[in-house]
Protein backbone atom coordinates (compact mmCIF):
# COMPACT_ATOMS: atom_id res chain seq x y z
CA MET A 1 2.09 80.69 81.94
CA LYS A 2 -0.88 79.80 84.09
CA GLY A 3 -0.60 79.73 87.86
CA SER A 4 -1.03 76.66 90.03
CA SER A 5 -4.42 75.43 91.23
CA ALA A 6 -3.68 77.01 94.62
CA ASP A 7 -3.15 80.38 92.91
CA THR A 8 -6.46 80.22 91.05
CA ALA A 9 -8.66 78.59 93.71
CA GLY A 10 -9.33 81.88 95.53
CA PRO A 11 -10.18 83.89 92.40
CA PHE A 12 -12.47 81.08 91.19
CA ARG A 13 -14.34 81.07 94.50
CA ALA A 14 -14.98 84.79 94.09
CA PHE A 15 -16.08 84.21 90.48
CA PHE A 16 -18.46 81.42 91.55
CA GLN A 17 -19.93 83.55 94.32
CA ASP A 18 -20.52 86.43 91.92
CA ALA A 19 -22.46 84.05 89.67
CA THR A 20 -24.50 82.16 92.26
CA GLY A 21 -24.41 84.10 95.52
CA PHE A 22 -22.82 81.09 97.26
CA THR A 23 -19.27 79.91 97.88
CA PRO A 24 -18.44 76.74 95.93
CA TYR A 25 -18.00 73.28 97.34
CA ASN A 26 -14.43 72.00 97.32
CA TRP A 27 -15.17 69.65 94.42
CA GLN A 28 -16.43 72.56 92.29
CA THR A 29 -13.19 74.47 92.87
CA GLN A 30 -11.26 71.27 92.19
CA VAL A 31 -12.94 70.76 88.78
CA ALA A 32 -12.30 74.36 87.76
CA THR A 33 -8.69 74.73 88.87
CA GLU A 34 -7.04 71.29 88.73
CA ASN A 35 -5.91 69.25 85.72
CA GLU A 36 -5.56 70.52 82.18
CA ARG A 37 -9.16 69.90 81.11
CA LEU A 38 -12.60 69.20 82.49
CA PRO A 39 -13.04 65.52 83.41
CA GLU A 40 -14.62 63.01 81.03
CA VAL A 41 -16.65 61.29 83.76
CA LEU A 42 -17.97 63.31 86.69
CA PRO A 43 -19.76 61.32 89.45
CA VAL A 44 -21.15 63.71 92.06
CA PRO A 45 -24.01 62.94 94.52
CA THR A 46 -27.41 64.53 94.01
CA GLY A 47 -27.88 68.03 95.38
CA LEU A 48 -24.24 69.11 95.33
CA GLY A 49 -24.43 71.52 92.40
CA LYS A 50 -23.31 69.57 89.33
CA THR A 51 -25.00 72.00 86.95
CA GLU A 52 -23.34 75.16 88.25
CA GLY A 53 -20.15 73.28 89.10
CA VAL A 54 -19.37 72.07 85.59
CA THR A 55 -20.79 75.06 83.69
CA LEU A 56 -18.99 77.72 85.72
CA ALA A 57 -15.81 75.62 85.63
CA TRP A 58 -16.03 75.72 81.81
CA ALA A 59 -16.68 79.48 81.82
CA TRP A 60 -13.79 80.09 84.21
CA ARG A 61 -11.35 78.00 82.20
CA ARG A 62 -12.36 79.26 78.76
CA ILE A 63 -13.34 82.90 79.29
CA VAL A 64 -11.37 84.00 82.34
CA GLU A 65 -8.23 81.83 82.27
CA ARG A 66 -8.11 81.38 78.47
CA GLN A 67 -7.36 77.70 78.83
CA ASP A 68 -7.74 74.89 76.31
CA GLU A 69 -11.51 74.52 76.49
CA PRO A 70 -13.97 74.66 73.56
CA LEU A 71 -15.74 77.96 72.97
CA HIS A 72 -19.27 76.57 73.31
CA LEU A 73 -21.04 74.46 75.93
CA VAL A 74 -23.76 72.00 74.85
CA TYR A 75 -25.78 70.72 77.80
CA CYS A 76 -27.72 67.55 76.93
CA LEU A 77 -30.57 66.34 79.17
CA PRO A 78 -33.10 63.48 78.87
CA MET A 79 -36.25 65.37 79.94
CA ARG A 80 -38.00 68.64 79.11
CA SER A 81 -38.58 69.51 82.78
CA LEU A 82 -34.84 69.27 83.44
CA VAL A 83 -34.13 71.56 80.49
CA ARG A 84 -36.44 74.28 81.81
CA GLN A 85 -34.89 74.15 85.29
CA THR A 86 -31.33 74.19 83.95
CA VAL A 87 -32.00 77.09 81.57
CA GLU A 88 -33.49 79.16 84.38
CA ARG A 89 -30.58 78.49 86.75
CA LEU A 90 -27.82 79.15 84.23
CA ARG A 91 -29.45 82.29 82.85
CA HIS A 92 -29.48 83.60 86.40
CA CYS A 93 -25.76 82.81 86.77
CA PHE A 94 -24.67 84.44 83.53
CA CYS A 95 -26.92 87.44 84.07
CA ALA A 96 -25.10 88.01 87.36
CA LEU A 97 -21.70 87.59 85.67
CA ARG A 98 -22.69 90.05 82.96
CA SER A 99 -23.64 92.61 85.60
CA LYS A 100 -20.66 92.10 87.93
CA ARG A 101 -17.85 91.06 85.58
CA LYS A 102 -18.96 92.14 82.10
CA ILE A 103 -18.85 88.50 80.95
CA ALA A 104 -21.30 87.96 78.10
CA VAL A 105 -22.49 84.37 77.61
CA GLU A 106 -25.93 83.76 76.14
CA VAL A 107 -27.98 80.73 77.24
CA PHE A 108 -30.23 79.16 74.60
CA GLN A 109 -32.96 76.52 74.92
CA LEU A 110 -33.64 73.68 72.49
CA MET A 111 -36.57 71.30 72.98
CA GLY A 112 -39.75 70.34 71.18
CA GLY A 113 -42.18 73.26 71.09
CA ASP A 114 -39.53 75.76 72.21
CA ILE A 115 -36.68 75.82 69.71
CA ASP A 116 -34.28 78.75 69.84
CA ASP A 117 -31.94 78.79 66.83
CA GLU A 118 -30.37 82.17 67.58
CA TRP A 119 -27.13 80.44 68.66
CA VAL A 120 -26.48 79.43 65.05
CA ARG A 121 -25.76 83.07 64.21
CA TRP A 122 -22.85 83.35 66.66
CA PRO A 123 -20.21 80.66 66.01
CA ASP A 124 -17.50 83.10 67.08
CA ARG A 125 -18.99 83.89 70.51
CA PRO A 126 -19.24 81.77 73.66
CA TRP A 127 -22.72 80.41 74.37
CA VAL A 128 -24.47 77.67 76.29
CA LEU A 129 -27.05 75.53 74.48
CA ILE A 130 -29.33 73.45 76.72
CA GLY A 131 -31.65 70.90 75.17
CA THR A 132 -33.23 67.47 75.20
CA GLN A 133 -31.31 64.55 73.80
CA ASP A 134 -33.68 64.04 70.86
CA GLN A 135 -33.10 67.57 69.58
CA LEU A 136 -29.36 67.76 70.25
CA LEU A 137 -28.29 64.26 69.22
CA SER A 138 -30.36 64.30 66.04
CA ARG A 139 -28.61 67.52 65.01
CA ALA A 140 -25.20 66.10 65.89
CA LEU A 141 -26.07 63.12 63.64
CA ASN A 142 -27.05 65.43 60.74
CA ARG A 143 -30.75 64.53 61.04
CA GLY A 144 -32.12 67.44 63.06
CA TYR A 145 -35.64 67.08 64.43
CA ALA A 146 -38.17 69.87 63.85
CA MET A 147 -36.05 71.70 61.28
CA SER A 148 -35.59 71.95 57.54
CA ARG A 149 -33.31 69.28 56.12
CA PHE A 150 -31.53 72.00 54.18
CA GLU A 151 -30.28 73.38 57.52
CA TRP A 152 -29.11 70.03 58.88
CA PRO A 153 -25.45 70.52 57.81
CA VAL A 154 -25.21 73.89 59.59
CA HIS A 155 -26.27 72.50 62.95
CA PHE A 156 -24.24 69.33 62.33
CA GLY A 157 -21.10 71.36 61.76
CA LEU A 158 -21.55 73.71 64.70
CA LEU A 159 -22.33 70.97 67.24
CA ASN A 160 -19.37 68.82 66.24
CA GLN A 161 -16.76 71.59 66.37
CA ASP A 162 -15.41 73.65 69.27
CA CYS A 163 -18.02 72.36 71.78
CA ARG A 164 -17.84 70.89 75.26
CA TRP A 165 -20.75 68.43 75.49
CA ILE A 166 -22.16 67.86 78.97
CA ILE A 167 -24.23 64.68 79.14
CA ASP A 168 -26.24 64.93 82.36
CA GLU A 169 -28.49 62.40 84.13
CA VAL A 170 -27.05 59.62 81.99
CA GLN A 171 -29.05 56.92 83.79
CA LEU A 172 -32.23 58.29 82.16
CA MET A 173 -30.96 58.50 78.58
CA GLY A 174 -31.43 54.92 77.37
CA PRO A 175 -29.89 54.19 73.92
CA GLY A 176 -28.98 57.87 73.56
CA LEU A 177 -26.15 57.32 76.04
CA TRP A 178 -24.38 54.90 73.69
CA SER A 179 -24.91 57.38 70.87
CA THR A 180 -23.02 60.03 72.84
CA ALA A 181 -20.14 57.58 73.34
CA GLN A 182 -20.00 56.82 69.61
CA LEU A 183 -20.20 60.48 68.65
CA ASP A 184 -17.28 61.20 70.97
CA TRP A 185 -15.28 58.39 69.34
CA MET A 186 -16.05 59.74 65.87
CA ARG A 187 -14.87 63.23 66.80
CA GLN A 188 -11.67 61.91 68.31
CA LYS A 189 -10.72 59.15 65.85
CA ARG A 190 -12.99 58.68 62.85
CA PHE A 191 -13.43 62.19 61.47
CA ALA A 192 -10.88 64.91 62.08
CA THR A 193 -12.28 68.17 63.47
CA VAL A 194 -10.87 71.65 62.93
CA LYS A 195 -11.27 72.47 66.61
CA PRO A 196 -11.65 69.97 69.49
CA CYS A 197 -15.09 68.78 70.54
CA ARG A 198 -15.03 67.05 73.93
CA THR A 199 -17.53 65.27 76.17
CA THR A 200 -18.21 65.08 79.91
CA TRP A 201 -20.68 62.51 81.25
CA MET A 202 -22.03 63.17 84.72
CA SER A 203 -24.54 61.78 87.18
CA ALA A 204 -24.81 60.69 90.79
CA THR A 205 -24.84 57.08 89.55
CA VAL A 206 -22.72 57.20 86.41
CA GLY A 207 -20.62 54.16 85.44
CA THR A 208 -18.32 53.66 82.47
CA THR A 209 -19.66 50.47 80.83
CA PHE A 210 -21.37 52.50 78.10
CA LEU A 211 -17.91 53.51 76.86
CA ALA A 212 -17.07 49.91 75.96
CA THR A 213 -18.38 50.02 72.39
CA THR A 214 -16.58 48.01 69.71
CA ASP A 215 -15.09 51.10 68.12
CA ARG A 216 -13.94 52.62 71.38
CA LYS A 217 -12.34 49.32 72.47
CA ARG A 218 -10.38 49.18 69.25
CA GLU A 219 -9.02 52.69 69.88
CA ASN A 220 -8.41 52.11 73.62
CA LEU A 221 -11.08 54.65 74.51
CA ASP A 222 -13.29 52.22 76.43
CA SER A 223 -12.09 53.13 79.90
CA VAL A 224 -11.39 56.42 81.61
CA THR A 225 -10.52 57.36 85.16
CA PRO A 226 -13.55 59.09 86.70
CA PHE A 227 -13.00 62.34 88.53
CA GLU A 228 -12.89 61.78 92.28
CA PRO A 229 -14.53 64.72 94.09
CA GLN A 230 -13.16 65.66 97.51
CA LEU A 231 -16.31 65.27 99.58
CA GLY A 232 -15.16 63.75 102.85
CA THR A 233 -13.11 66.79 103.88
CA ASP A 234 -15.60 69.48 102.81
CA PRO A 235 -17.40 70.95 105.88
CA LYS A 236 -20.34 72.09 103.74
CA VAL A 237 -20.88 68.57 102.37
CA LEU A 238 -20.47 66.99 105.80
CA TRP A 239 -23.13 69.34 107.19
CA TRP A 240 -25.63 68.04 104.61
CA ARG A 241 -24.66 64.41 105.10
CA GLU A 242 -24.85 64.53 108.89
CA ALA A 243 -28.04 66.61 109.16
CA ARG A 244 -30.85 65.00 111.18
CA ARG A 245 -33.94 64.06 109.17
CA PRO A 246 -36.64 62.95 111.65
CA VAL A 247 -39.73 61.35 110.10
CA ASP A 248 -43.12 61.19 111.88
CA TRP A 249 -46.63 60.10 111.02
CA PHE A 250 -49.35 62.73 111.14
CA THR A 251 -52.52 61.63 112.94
CA PRO A 252 -55.58 63.89 112.55
CA ALA A 253 -57.11 65.00 115.82
CA GLY A 254 -60.57 64.46 114.38
CA LYS A 255 -62.19 66.92 116.79
CA SER A 256 -60.90 70.25 115.55
CA GLY A 257 -63.78 70.74 113.11
CA MET A 258 -61.46 72.10 110.40
CA PRO A 259 -60.77 70.45 107.00
CA LEU A 260 -57.93 67.91 106.94
CA ALA A 261 -55.70 70.07 104.72
CA GLN A 262 -55.95 73.01 107.12
CA GLU A 263 -55.27 70.75 110.08
CA ILE A 264 -52.10 69.43 108.39
CA ALA A 265 -50.98 72.97 107.54
CA ARG A 266 -51.50 74.16 111.11
CA SER A 267 -49.59 71.19 112.54
CA VAL A 268 -46.65 71.73 110.19
CA SER A 269 -46.59 75.46 110.96
CA GLU A 270 -46.50 74.76 114.70
CA GLN A 271 -43.68 72.20 114.47
CA HIS A 272 -41.55 73.85 111.78
CA GLN A 273 -38.13 75.08 112.93
CA PRO A 274 -36.90 78.29 111.25
CA GLY A 275 -33.89 77.74 109.02
CA THR A 276 -34.80 74.13 108.26
CA LEU A 277 -36.91 72.41 105.60
CA SER A 278 -40.20 70.74 106.51
CA LEU A 279 -41.31 68.20 103.91
CA VAL A 280 -44.94 67.03 103.86
CA ILE A 281 -45.66 63.78 101.98
CA CYS A 282 -49.35 63.06 101.31
CA ASN A 283 -50.64 59.77 99.94
CA THR A 284 -53.95 57.95 99.58
């Protein structure tokens, strides 16, 4: 029998810190230790660690606590630049967990021009697959881009069985977002799966209207209760929200004799306060 969320909150915080070097926000601990499963809809403001929060919550539940979570994590993003950033961050996390806790989870990348199919060889091991929506959704629909059609069924089968799909930055996905909703309906109601394949949609601005497809309405799957992160009582979140952000115009002295770029750099260096971020915005 599993312990209560209060019993597991402390161990998860230690697990999260081993992976990232930071203590988690309250909402990250909440996702990992409360409720039976990860939420279907996860609305969290920008900059509060959605990527690490949901991925490490999955790893904690599946690998450490042996809870009812799929063995694989499929992380779907709308842009190549987001894929690169996410791969780098999560490889860092799981490299740290491998070193400190002997937890082995490989992180694979899937996007045009950089396709890693090594994950196909390990259906019995936990892994994280991060890719663009064109590559991932086409494979989930049995029409995989940039691959032999004779291999379509293999990827189709693996991505529709025993996977937790994370659909991130949903506001940038366009029609692909409705495709993810229909695929989720198919896995739940239209075609039986041997092992569960579940979906989490997340963004700072996520709504739920995309779930109101004809098929989902018929099966009463058109509305879900979004996860409500505890932000107002988290001192770390309040520090970010209440931080002062003064904005000033820079006016060149015009008499220093140095190039404008050097003059800007010197001014920023003189005014910068250690421990804070100075942001310089240049325009024409």
